[in-house]
Amino acid sequence: MRVTLYEQQGATRVHIDASVTDDGDLEVAGHDIGEAPKKWWGHDDYEYIVTIRKKDKDRLLLALIEARFGDDASAVSRFRDFAREKDIPNEWFTWP
């Protein structure tokens, strides 16, 4: 599974995406091509990757949920709405 996070065209083209590897690791990777990498690195191609290992993905997931929905009394509803917007199946439960 892969999602595009950012794309830029022009003298320097930039592409950044996030993906889950076959081993279950999460990678956020970027690739710059053009003038900027040539100026800074002496080569027109520059790649960079941050990897979160499979064993640490749950910690990251909870940290991202806290950053996005924390400190909000409507966090449960907002989280449900977000999942729906992204077509992610979820189950809603209330009591009584």
PDB file of N, CA and C in Angstrom:
ATOM      1  N   MET A   1       0.850  -1.171   0.000  1.00  0.00           N
ATOM      2  CA  MET A   1       0.000   0.000   0.000  1.00  0.00           C
ATOM      3  C   MET A   1       0.900   1.239   0.000  1.00  0.00           C
ATOM      4  N   ARG A   2       0.509   2.223  -0.808  1.00  0.00           N
ATOM      5  CA  ARG A   2       1.314   3.443  -0.935  1.00  0.00           C
ATOM      6  C   ARG A   2       0.383   4.643  -1.124  1.00  0.00           C
ATOM      7  N   VAL A   3       0.714   5.769  -0.471  1.00  0.00           N
ATOM      8  CA  VAL A   3      -0.015   7.017  -0.683  1.00  0.00           C
ATOM      9  C   VAL A   3       0.985   8.127  -0.996  1.00  0.00           C
ATOM     10  N   THR A   4       0.586   9.028  -1.875  1.00  0.00           N
ATOM     11  CA  THR A   4       1.415  10.188  -2.207  1.00  0.00           C
ATOM     12  C   THR A   4       1.139  11.290  -1.200  1.00  0.00           C
ATOM     13  N   LEU A   5       2.204  11.841  -0.616  1.00  0.00           N
ATOM     14  CA  LEU A   5       2.078  12.924   0.359  1.00  0.00           C
ATOM     15  C   LEU A   5       2.310  14.296  -0.265  1.00  0.00           C
ATOM     16  N   TYR A   6       3.192  14.357  -1.271  1.00  0.00           N
ATOM     17  CA  TYR A   6       3.532  15.653  -1.848  1.00  0.00           C
ATOM     18  C   TYR A   6       4.148  15.456  -3.223  1.00  0.00           C
ATOM     19  N   GLU A   7       3.796  16.354  -4.147  1.00  0.00           N
ATOM     20  CA  GLU A   7       4.426  16.369  -5.460  1.00  0.00           C
ATOM     21  C   GLU A   7       4.639  17.819  -5.879  1.00  0.00           C
ATOM     22  N   GLN A   8       5.778  18.071  -6.479  1.00  0.00           N
ATOM     23  CA  GLN A   8       6.111  19.404  -6.980  1.00  0.00           C
ATOM     24  C   GLN A   8       6.767  19.248  -8.339  1.00  0.00           C
ATOM     25  N   GLN A   9       6.371  20.063  -9.285  1.00  0.00           N
ATOM     26  CA  GLN A   9       6.982  20.085 -10.612  1.00  0.00           C
ATOM     27  C   GLN A   9       7.805  21.362 -10.734  1.00  0.00           C
ATOM     28  N   GLY A  10       8.647  21.450 -11.741  1.00  0.00           N
ATOM     29  CA  GLY A  10       9.435  22.649 -11.969  1.00  0.00           C
ATOM     30  C   GLY A  10      10.894  22.311 -12.134  1.00  0.00           C
ATOM     31  N   ALA A  11      11.741  23.314 -11.864  1.00  0.00           N
ATOM     32  CA  ALA A  11      13.181  23.135 -12.014  1.00  0.00           C
ATOM     33  C   ALA A  11      13.696  22.033 -11.092  1.00  0.00           C
ATOM     34  N   THR A  12      13.052  21.895  -9.930  1.00  0.00           N
ATOM     35  CA  THR A  12      13.318  20.758  -9.049  1.00  0.00           C
ATOM     36  C   THR A  12      12.002  20.023  -8.848  1.00  0.00           C
ATOM     37  N   ARG A  13      11.970  18.771  -9.257  1.00  0.00           N
ATOM     38  CA  ARG A  13      10.785  17.939  -9.058  1.00  0.00           C
ATOM     39  C   ARG A  13      10.938  17.191  -7.735  1.00  0.00           C
ATOM     40  N   VAL A  14       9.873  17.182  -6.943  1.00  0.00           N
ATOM     41  CA  VAL A  14       9.880  16.528  -5.643  1.00  0.00           C
ATOM     42  C   VAL A  14       8.694  15.568  -5.576  1.00  0.00           C
ATOM     43  N   HIS A  15       8.956  14.359  -5.117  1.00  0.00           N
ATOM     44  CA  HIS A  15       7.885  13.382  -4.886  1.00  0.00           C
ATOM     45  C   HIS A  15       8.136  12.750  -3.516  1.00  0.00           C
ATOM     46  N   ILE A  16       7.101  12.761  -2.665  1.00  0.00           N
ATOM     47  CA  ILE A  16       7.191  12.157  -1.330  1.00  0.00           C
ATOM     48  C   ILE A  16       5.991  11.237  -1.157  1.00  0.00           C
ATOM     49  N   ASP A  17       6.248  10.020  -0.692  1.00  0.00           N
ATOM     50  CA  ASP A  17       5.147   9.098  -0.435  1.00  0.00           C
ATOM     51  C   ASP A  17       5.386   8.312   0.844  1.00  0.00           C
ATOM     52  N   ALA A  18       4.333   7.650   1.276  1.00  0.00           N
ATOM     53  CA  ALA A  18       4.397   6.768   2.440  1.00  0.00           C
ATOM     54  C   ALA A  18       3.927   5.394   1.983  1.00  0.00           C
ATOM     55  N   SER A  19       4.585   4.361   2.490  1.00  0.00           N
ATOM     56  CA  SER A  19       4.210   3.001   2.095  1.00  0.00           C
ATOM     57  C   SER A  19       4.523   2.027   3.219  1.00  0.00           C
ATOM     58  N   VAL A  20       3.880   0.872   3.128  1.00  0.00           N
ATOM     59  CA  VAL A  20       4.159  -0.235   4.036  1.00  0.00           C
ATOM     60  C   VAL A  20       4.885  -1.293   3.215  1.00  0.00           C
ATOM     61  N   THR A  21       6.057  -1.700   3.684  1.00  0.00           N
ATOM     62  CA  THR A  21       6.862  -2.682   2.960  1.00  0.00           C
ATOM     63  C   THR A  21       6.282  -4.086   3.129  1.00  0.00           C
ATOM     64  N   ASP A  22       6.793  -5.016   2.359  1.00  0.00           N
ATOM     65  CA  ASP A  22       6.365  -6.416   2.480  1.00  0.00           C
ATOM     66  C   ASP A  22       6.649  -6.975   3.875  1.00  0.00           C
ATOM     67  N   ASP A  23       7.659  -6.419   4.565  1.00  0.00           N
ATOM     68  CA  ASP A  23       7.997  -6.859   5.920  1.00  0.00           C
ATOM     69  C   ASP A  23       7.143  -6.183   6.991  1.00  0.00           C
ATOM     70  N   GLY A  24       6.262  -5.230   6.587  1.00  0.00           N
ATOM     71  CA  GLY A  24       5.397  -4.551   7.541  1.00  0.00           C
ATOM     72  C   GLY A  24       5.953  -3.262   8.096  1.00  0.00           C
ATOM     73  N   ASP A  25       7.136  -2.838   7.624  1.00  0.00           N
ATOM     74  CA  ASP A  25       7.695  -1.571   8.065  1.00  0.00           C
ATOM     75  C   ASP A  25       6.980  -0.423   7.347  1.00  0.00           C
ATOM     76  N   LEU A  26       6.957   0.737   7.972  1.00  0.00           N
ATOM     77  CA  LEU A  26       6.403   1.942   7.370  1.00  0.00           C
ATOM     78  C   LEU A  26       7.550   2.799   6.865  1.00  0.00           C
ATOM     79  N   GLU A  27       7.460   3.239   5.615  1.00  0.00           N
ATOM     80  CA  GLU A  27       8.495   4.112   5.046  1.00  0.00           C
ATOM     81  C   GLU A  27       7.857   5.396   4.530  1.00  0.00           C
ATOM     82  N   VAL A  28       8.460   6.507   4.858  1.00  0.00           N
ATOM     83  CA  VAL A  28       8.125   7.792   4.258  1.00  0.00           C
ATOM     84  C   VAL A  28       9.372   8.181   3.484  1.00  0.00           C
ATOM     85  N   ALA A  29       9.219   8.311   2.166  1.00  0.00           N
ATOM     86  CA  ALA A  29      10.384   8.486   1.299  1.00  0.00           C
ATOM     87  C   ALA A  29      10.176   9.644   0.341  1.00  0.00           C
ATOM     88  N   GLY A  30      11.273  10.327   0.056  1.00  0.00           N
ATOM     89  CA  GLY A  30      11.243  11.420  -0.895  1.00  0.00           C
ATOM     90  C   GLY A  30      12.312  11.275  -1.951  1.00  0.00           C
ATOM     91  N   HIS A  31      12.073  11.953  -3.074  1.00  0.00           N
ATOM     92  CA  HIS A  31      12.988  11.901  -4.201  1.00  0.00           C
ATOM     93  C   HIS A  31      12.950  13.268  -4.873  1.00  0.00           C
ATOM     94  N   ASP A  32      14.074  13.955  -4.877  1.00  0.00           N
ATOM     95  CA  ASP A  32      14.204  15.256  -5.532  1.00  0.00           C
ATOM     96  C   ASP A  32      15.066  15.086  -6.770  1.00  0.00           C
ATOM     97  N   ILE A  33      14.630  15.679  -7.870  1.00  0.00           N
ATOM     98  CA  ILE A  33      15.390  15.632  -9.115  1.00  0.00           C
ATOM     99  C   ILE A  33      15.447  17.042  -9.698  1.00  0.00           C
ATOM    100  N   GLY A  34      16.661  17.505 -10.032  1.00  0.00           N
ATOM    101  CA  GLY A  34      16.764  18.799 -10.695  1.00  0.00           C
ATOM    102  C   GLY A  34      17.795  19.721 -10.100  1.00  0.00           C
ATOM    103  N   GLU A  35      17.495  21.023 -10.171  1.00  0.00           N
ATOM    104  CA  GLU A  35      18.461  22.063  -9.819  1.00  0.00           C
ATOM    105  C   GLU A  35      18.880  22.065  -8.350  1.00  0.00           C
ATOM    106  N   ALA A  36      17.933  21.960  -7.426  1.00  0.00           N
ATOM    107  CA  ALA A  36      18.279  22.057  -5.997  1.00  0.00           C
ATOM    108  C   ALA A  36      19.259  20.966  -5.556  1.00  0.00           C
ATOM    109  N   PRO A  37      19.009  19.693  -5.858  1.00  0.00           N
ATOM    110  CA  PRO A  37      19.994  18.692  -5.448  1.00  0.00           C
ATOM    111  C   PRO A  37      21.347  18.888  -6.138  1.00  0.00           C
ATOM    112  N   LYS A  38      21.307  19.325  -7.387  1.00  0.00           N
ATOM    113  CA  LYS A  38      22.560  19.580  -8.113  1.00  0.00           C
ATOM    114  C   LYS A  38      23.370  20.661  -7.397  1.00  0.00           C
ATOM    115  N   LYS A  39      22.672  21.728  -6.958  1.00  0.00           N
ATOM    116  CA  LYS A  39      23.338  22.836  -6.256  1.00  0.00           C
ATOM    117  C   LYS A  39      23.923  22.376  -4.916  1.00  0.00           C
ATOM    118  N   TRP A  40      23.137  21.621  -4.142  1.00  0.00           N
ATOM    119  CA  TRP A  40      23.546  21.273  -2.778  1.00  0.00           C
ATOM    120  C   TRP A  40      24.397  20.017  -2.685  1.00  0.00           C
ATOM    121  N   TRP A  41      24.161  19.057  -3.567  1.00  0.00           N
ATOM    122  CA  TRP A  41      24.823  17.769  -3.438  1.00  0.00           C
ATOM    123  C   TRP A  41      25.740  17.423  -4.606  1.00  0.00           C
ATOM    124  N   GLY A  42      25.738  18.277  -5.656  1.00  0.00           N
ATOM    125  CA  GLY A  42      26.599  18.004  -6.799  1.00  0.00           C
ATOM    126  C   GLY A  42      26.074  16.901  -7.700  1.00  0.00           C
ATOM    127  N   HIS A  43      24.835  16.513  -7.483  1.00  0.00           N
ATOM    128  CA  HIS A  43      24.191  15.466  -8.289  1.00  0.00           C
ATOM    129  C   HIS A  43      22.718  15.846  -8.424  1.00  0.00           C
ATOM    130  N   ASP A  44      22.117  15.607  -9.574  1.00  0.00           N
ATOM    131  CA  ASP A  44      20.741  16.074  -9.777  1.00  0.00           C
ATOM    132  C   ASP A  44      19.672  15.144  -9.215  1.00  0.00           C
ATOM    133  N   ASP A  45      20.081  14.159  -8.436  1.00  0.00           N
ATOM    134  CA  ASP A  45      19.165  13.171  -7.894  1.00  0.00           C
ATOM    135  C   ASP A  45      19.459  12.994  -6.408  1.00  0.00           C
ATOM    136  N   TYR A  46      18.433  13.127  -5.549  1.00  0.00           N
ATOM    137  CA  TYR A  46      18.609  13.017  -4.100  1.00  0.00           C
ATOM    138  C   TYR A  46      17.434  12.242  -3.528  1.00  0.00           C
ATOM    139  N   GLU A  47      17.698  11.177  -2.782  1.00  0.00           N
ATOM    140  CA  GLU A  47      16.654  10.351  -2.178  1.00  0.00           C
ATOM    141  C   GLU A  47      16.826  10.310  -0.666  1.00  0.00           C
ATOM    142  N   TYR A  48      15.706  10.204   0.050  1.00  0.00           N
ATOM    143  CA  TYR A  48      15.730  10.169   1.515  1.00  0.00           C
ATOM    144  C   TYR A  48      14.546   9.358   2.016  1.00  0.00           C
ATOM    145  N   ILE A  49      14.780   8.588   3.090  1.00  0.00           N
ATOM    146  CA  ILE A  49      13.759   7.679   3.614  1.00  0.00           C
ATOM    147  C   ILE A  49      13.814   7.667   5.147  1.00  0.00           C
ATOM    148  N   VAL A  50      12.643   7.712   5.775  1.00  0.00           N
ATOM    149  CA  VAL A  50      12.509   7.455   7.212  1.00  0.00           C
ATOM    150  C   VAL A  50      11.748   6.149   7.341  1.00  0.00           C
ATOM    151  N   THR A  51      12.290   5.213   8.126  1.00  0.00           N
ATOM    152  CA  THR A  51      11.661   3.911   8.314  1.00  0.00           C
ATOM    153  C   THR A  51      11.231   3.745   9.765  1.00  0.00           C
ATOM    154  N   ILE A  52       9.979   3.354   9.960  1.00  0.00           N
ATOM    155  CA  ILE A  52       9.481   2.965  11.277  1.00  0.00           C
ATOM    156  C   ILE A  52       9.268   1.453  11.195  1.00  0.00           C
ATOM    157  N   ARG A  53       9.988   0.732  12.008  1.00  0.00           N
ATOM    158  CA  ARG A  53       9.906  -0.729  11.967  1.00  0.00           C
ATOM    159  C   ARG A  53       8.522  -1.206  12.410  1.00  0.00           C
ATOM    160  N   LYS A  54       8.142  -2.351  11.912  1.00  0.00           N
ATOM    161  CA  LYS A  54       6.834  -2.944  12.186  1.00  0.00           C
ATOM    162  C   LYS A  54       6.533  -2.954  13.686  1.00  0.00           C
ATOM    163  N   LYS A  55       7.527  -3.280  14.496  1.00  0.00           N
ATOM    164  CA  LYS A  55       7.312  -3.394  15.942  1.00  0.00           C
ATOM    165  C   LYS A  55       6.979  -2.051  16.588  1.00  0.00           C
ATOM    166  N   ASP A  56       7.275  -0.927  15.912  1.00  0.00           N
ATOM    167  CA  ASP A  56       7.040   0.402  16.472  1.00  0.00           C
ATOM    168  C   ASP A  56       5.859   1.133  15.817  1.00  0.00           C
ATOM    169  N   LYS A  57       5.209   0.495  14.841  1.00  0.00           N
ATOM    170  CA  LYS A  57       4.113   1.170  14.119  1.00  0.00           C
ATOM    171  C   LYS A  57       2.929   1.518  15.019  1.00  0.00           C
ATOM    172  N   ASP A  58       2.591   0.655  15.976  1.00  0.00           N
ATOM    173  CA  ASP A  58       1.455   0.948  16.848  1.00  0.00           C
ATOM    174  C   ASP A  58       1.720   2.192  17.696  1.00  0.00           C
ATOM    175  N   ARG A  59       2.940   2.351  18.186  1.00  0.00           N
ATOM    176  CA  ARG A  59       3.298   3.554  18.957  1.00  0.00           C
ATOM    177  C   ARG A  59       3.152   4.801  18.096  1.00  0.00           C
ATOM    178  N   LEU A  60       3.610   4.690  16.846  1.00  0.00           N
ATOM    179  CA  LEU A  60       3.490   5.824  15.934  1.00  0.00           C
ATOM    180  C   LEU A  60       2.024   6.130  15.642  1.00  0.00           C
ATOM    181  N   LEU A  61       1.233   5.095  15.384  1.00  0.00           N
ATOM    182  CA  LEU A  61      -0.184   5.283  15.105  1.00  0.00           C
ATOM    183  C   LEU A  61      -0.876   6.020  16.245  1.00  0.00           C
ATOM    184  N   LEU A  62      -0.638   5.595  17.473  1.00  0.00           N
ATOM    185  CA  LEU A  62      -1.252   6.259  18.624  1.00  0.00           C
ATOM    186  C   LEU A  62      -0.756   7.693  18.787  1.00  0.00           C
ATOM    187  N   ALA A  63       0.520   7.941  18.518  1.00  0.00           N
ATOM    188  CA  ALA A  63       1.053   9.310  18.600  1.00  0.00           C
ATOM    189  C   ALA A  63       0.408  10.213  17.543  1.00  0.00           C
ATOM    190  N   LEU A  64       0.192   9.687  16.344  1.00  0.00           N
ATOM    191  CA  LEU A  64      -0.450  10.473  15.289  1.00  0.00           C
ATOM    192  C   LEU A  64      -1.913  10.759  15.629  1.00  0.00           C
ATOM    193  N   ILE A  65      -2.609   9.766  16.185  1.00  0.00           N
ATOM    194  CA  ILE A  65      -3.997   9.982  16.598  1.00  0.00           C
ATOM    195  C   ILE A  65      -4.058  11.035  17.696  1.00  0.00           C
ATOM    196  N   GLU A  66      -3.144  10.963  18.643  1.00  0.00           N
ATOM    197  CA  GLU A  66      -3.103  11.965  19.715  1.00  0.00           C
ATOM    198  C   GLU A  66      -2.835  13.356  19.156  1.00  0.00           C
ATOM    199  N   ALA A  67      -1.904  13.459  18.198  1.00  0.00           N
ATOM    200  CA  ALA A  67      -1.572  14.760  17.613  1.00  0.00           C
ATOM    201  C   ALA A  67      -2.745  15.340  16.829  1.00  0.00           C
ATOM    202  N   ARG A  68      -3.473  14.498  16.150  1.00  0.00           N
ATOM    203  CA  ARG A  68      -4.572  14.971  15.294  1.00  0.00           C
ATOM    204  C   ARG A  68      -5.866  15.198  16.064  1.00  0.00           C
ATOM    205  N   PHE A  69      -6.171  14.338  17.045  1.00  0.00           N
ATOM    206  CA  PHE A  69      -7.479  14.363  17.702  1.00  0.00           C
ATOM    207  C   PHE A  69      -7.413  14.655  19.201  1.00  0.00           C
ATOM    208  N   GLY A  70      -6.220  14.812  19.761  1.00  0.00           N
ATOM    209  CA  GLY A  70      -6.078  15.029  21.197  1.00  0.00           C
ATOM    210  C   GLY A  70      -6.652  16.358  21.649  1.00  0.00           C
ATOM    211  N   ASP A  71      -6.973  16.434  22.926  1.00  0.00           N
ATOM    212  CA  ASP A  71      -7.458  17.642  23.571  1.00  0.00           C
ATOM    213  C   ASP A  71      -8.740  18.159  22.927  1.00  0.00           C
ATOM    214  N   ASP A  72      -9.660  17.236  22.593  1.00  0.00           N
ATOM    215  CA  ASP A  72     -10.903  17.598  21.927  1.00  0.00           C
ATOM    216  C   ASP A  72     -12.012  16.672  22.438  1.00  0.00           C
ATOM    217  N   ALA A  73     -13.049  17.245  23.020  1.00  0.00           N
ATOM    218  CA  ALA A  73     -14.146  16.443  23.563  1.00  0.00           C
ATOM    219  C   ALA A  73     -14.902  15.675  22.478  1.00  0.00           C
ATOM    220  N   SER A  74     -14.783  16.076  21.228  1.00  0.00           N
ATOM    221  CA  SER A  74     -15.458  15.368  20.131  1.00  0.00           C
ATOM    222  C   SER A  74     -14.488  14.464  19.369  1.00  0.00           C
ATOM    223  N   ALA A  75     -13.400  14.052  20.014  1.00  0.00           N
ATOM    224  CA  ALA A  75     -12.362  13.260  19.352  1.00  0.00           C
ATOM    225  C   ALA A  75     -12.903  11.958  18.751  1.00  0.00           C
ATOM    226  N   VAL A  76     -13.815  11.280  19.456  1.00  0.00           N
ATOM    227  CA  VAL A  76     -14.327  10.001  18.949  1.00  0.00           C
ATOM    228  C   VAL A  76     -15.104  10.232  17.655  1.00  0.00           C
ATOM    229  N   SER A  77     -15.986  11.216  17.654  1.00  0.00           N
ATOM    230  CA  SER A  77     -16.768  11.514  16.447  1.00  0.00           C
ATOM    231  C   SER A  77     -15.882  11.993  15.308  1.00  0.00           C
ATOM    232  N   ARG A  78     -14.910  12.835  15.610  1.00  0.00           N
ATOM    233  CA  ARG A  78     -14.003  13.327  14.572  1.00  0.00           C
ATOM    234  C   ARG A  78     -13.164  12.193  14.001  1.00  0.00           C
ATOM    235  N   PHE A  79     -12.718  11.279  14.871  1.00  0.00           N
ATOM    236  CA  PHE A  79     -11.950  10.121  14.411  1.00  0.00           C
ATOM    237  C   PHE A  79     -12.805   9.245  13.501  1.00  0.00           C
ATOM    238  N   ARG A  80     -14.039   8.976  13.909  1.00  0.00           N
ATOM    239  CA  ARG A  80     -14.959   8.182  13.085  1.00  0.00           C
ATOM    240  C   ARG A  80     -15.178   8.867  11.735  1.00  0.00           C
ATOM    241  N   ASP A  81     -15.410  10.176  11.738  1.00  0.00           N
ATOM    242  CA  ASP A  81     -15.637  10.915  10.495  1.00  0.00           C
ATOM    243  C   ASP A  81     -14.415  10.853   9.581  1.00  0.00           C
ATOM    244  N   PHE A  82     -13.244  10.959  10.167  1.00  0.00           N
ATOM    245  CA  PHE A  82     -12.004  10.875   9.388  1.00  0.00           C
ATOM    246  C   PHE A  82     -11.879   9.505   8.723  1.00  0.00           C
ATOM    247  N   ALA A  83     -12.128   8.453   9.489  1.00  0.00           N
ATOM    248  CA  ALA A  83     -12.060   7.098   8.926  1.00  0.00           C
ATOM    249  C   ALA A  83     -13.060   6.948   7.784  1.00  0.00           C
ATOM    250  N   ARG A  84     -14.250   7.470   7.958  1.00  0.00           N
ATOM    251  CA  ARG A  84     -15.258   7.393   6.898  1.00  0.00           C
ATOM    252  C   ARG A  84     -14.814   8.157   5.654  1.00  0.00           C
ATOM    253  N   GLU A  85     -14.264   9.365   5.854  1.00  0.00           N
ATOM    254  CA  GLU A  85     -13.788  10.175   4.725  1.00  0.00           C
ATOM    255  C   GLU A  85     -12.733   9.436   3.908  1.00  0.00           C
ATOM    256  N   LYS A  86     -11.929   8.624   4.566  1.00  0.00           N
ATOM    257  CA  LYS A  86     -10.859   7.877   3.901  1.00  0.00           C
ATOM    258  C   LYS A  86     -11.308   6.480   3.477  1.00  0.00           C
ATOM    259  N   ASP A  87     -12.608   6.207   3.581  1.00  0.00           N
ATOM    260  CA  ASP A  87     -13.167   4.896   3.222  1.00  0.00           C
ATOM    261  C   ASP A  87     -12.516   3.754   3.983  1.00  0.00           C
ATOM    262  N   ILE A  88     -12.227   3.985   5.265  1.00  0.00           N
ATOM    263  CA  ILE A  88     -11.654   2.956   6.130  1.00  0.00           C
ATOM    264  C   ILE A  88     -12.785   2.365   6.970  1.00  0.00           C
ATOM    265  N   PRO A  89     -13.060   1.081   6.807  1.00  0.00           N
ATOM    266  CA  PRO A  89     -14.156   0.475   7.571  1.00  0.00           C
ATOM    267  C   PRO A  89     -13.961   0.670   9.072  1.00  0.00           C
ATOM    268  N   ASN A  90     -15.056   0.954   9.745  1.00  0.00           N
ATOM    269  CA  ASN A  90     -15.004   1.110  11.195  1.00  0.00           C
ATOM    270  C   ASN A  90     -16.356   0.724  11.770  1.00  0.00           C
ATOM    271  N   GLU A  91     -16.380   0.471  13.045  1.00  0.00           N
ATOM    272  CA  GLU A  91     -17.614   0.108  13.731  1.00  0.00           C
ATOM    273  C   GLU A  91     -17.904   1.157  14.794  1.00  0.00           C
ATOM    274  N   TRP A  92     -19.164   1.546  14.902  1.00  0.00           N
ATOM    275  CA  TRP A  92     -19.583   2.567  15.851  1.00  0.00           C
ATOM    276  C   TRP A  92     -20.406   1.886  16.937  1.00  0.00           C
ATOM    277  N   PHE A  93     -20.122   2.198  18.206  1.00  0.00           N
ATOM    278  CA  PHE A  93     -20.848   1.606  19.321  1.00  0.00           C
ATOM    279  C   PHE A  93     -21.163   2.711  20.318  1.00  0.00           C
ATOM    280  N   THR A  94     -22.387   2.682  20.809  1.00  0.00           N
ATOM    281  CA  THR A  94     -22.764   3.562  21.916  1.00  0.00           C
ATOM    282  C   THR A  94     -23.492   2.735  22.954  1.00  0.00           C
ATOM    283  N   TRP A  95     -23.530   3.230  24.168  1.00  0.00           N
ATOM    284  CA  TRP A  95     -24.263   2.563  25.229  1.00  0.00           C
ATOM    285  C   TRP A  95     -24.791   3.619  26.157  1.00  0.00           C
ATOM    286  N   PRO A  96     -25.901   3.583  26.670  1.00  0.00           N
ATOM    287  CA  PRO A  96     -26.997   2.650  26.484  1.00  0.00           C
ATOM    288  C   PRO A  96     -27.758   2.948  25.226  1.00  0.00           C
TER     289      PRO A  96
END
